[in-house]
């Protein structure tokens, strides 16, 4: 090995790195050591590590259908269990109708958060049946599946987890018409938007590169949000809940849609145009939901219900459908923001693709450790290398 070692006390190698050092401070020659170790390490690496060169498969429609089916079956199973539980009672639905025997199983009526849908009409256990069905967290489940499959960053996964949580809260709120659950639901929805702002708003203006400024804005908005949700529904004479939803949600939705549209138009790089256009499409769908929400506040209780079809609230269901689709596309846009624009080096081969030609998702062929280009300097990540900001 290039050194004379006493036979009585042979030194033992303590580690194997750029050079191997003996416990007595001697250094072995690199050539002989690596000549013996490399074949062993090579076989071990091939046996234990996956083939990183093999790209991940594109997303298939059957995968999304399976995920949506599983989550729908789980939540509908809860509804069926509640319905069967009431039927099993000695007096049936009449015994479970709640105080006064007027179809108030959860004892939460009258409620300031009541939406334009007949209560307990389809099932004596479900307050607003159609609204409950359309708040099953399908969008959040699909986003979470894609995020875990392609290894999106934790900033994105956090938003997806909160999306699933806020839809579960909405599911429970329409089920029970409990005012505290409704208040928590609205707070969770807007907190998800504020979390997105805190993590990704620096693309809008260089002033928002300051974490302290973003934190101050988010904290102030949260204080105003909680105060509004706690007081406004009960201060209005009628339909306070639906007016609160419109008042709290619509300004941020309209503002974000306009900003994303401007950024999509002024973007220079292809990945910027694709990312901002995806966010803008999501904003357009959510803005349409807000416009429908205004019509619901004005005319929904009078014209938004089909009484001959088990009280189907067509206007409110249209709002929920626009929101589910818009939030899904928004989640795809958030993933593109993080993986294509916010990382020091974009994910190698990452791009926005479509399932069936219409449903977008962010495809990442390799793990997060595979990058497309050398890491730029901190100055290049801001305003120098790429025109990330409007101003």
Foldseek 3Di string as FASTA:
>chain_A
DPDDADPVDGWDFDDDDPWTATPVGDTDDPPVVCVVCVVVVVVVCVVPPDDQVFFDDDDAPVVLVVLLVVLLCVLVVVVVVQQVVQCPDPVHLQVQCDPPSPLQNLVQPPALQDAQFCQCLVGSQFGHVLQLSLLRLSLLRSLLVQCVRQVFDPLLNVLSVLSNVLSVLSNVCRRNVHLVSLLVSLLSVVLSVLSLCLPQVCLADVVSVDSVVSVVVSVVLSVVSSVLSVPQSVVDPHSRNLVSSLVSPQVVLVVLLVSLVVQLVPFDDPLSVQLSVLLNVLSVLLNVLSVLSVVSVVPQNPPQFDVVVSGDRNSVSSSSVSNSLSVSSNSQSSSSCCQPQVDLFHQPPWDWDAHVVPHIHIGHTGHPVHGDDDGDDPVCSHPNVGNSYPD
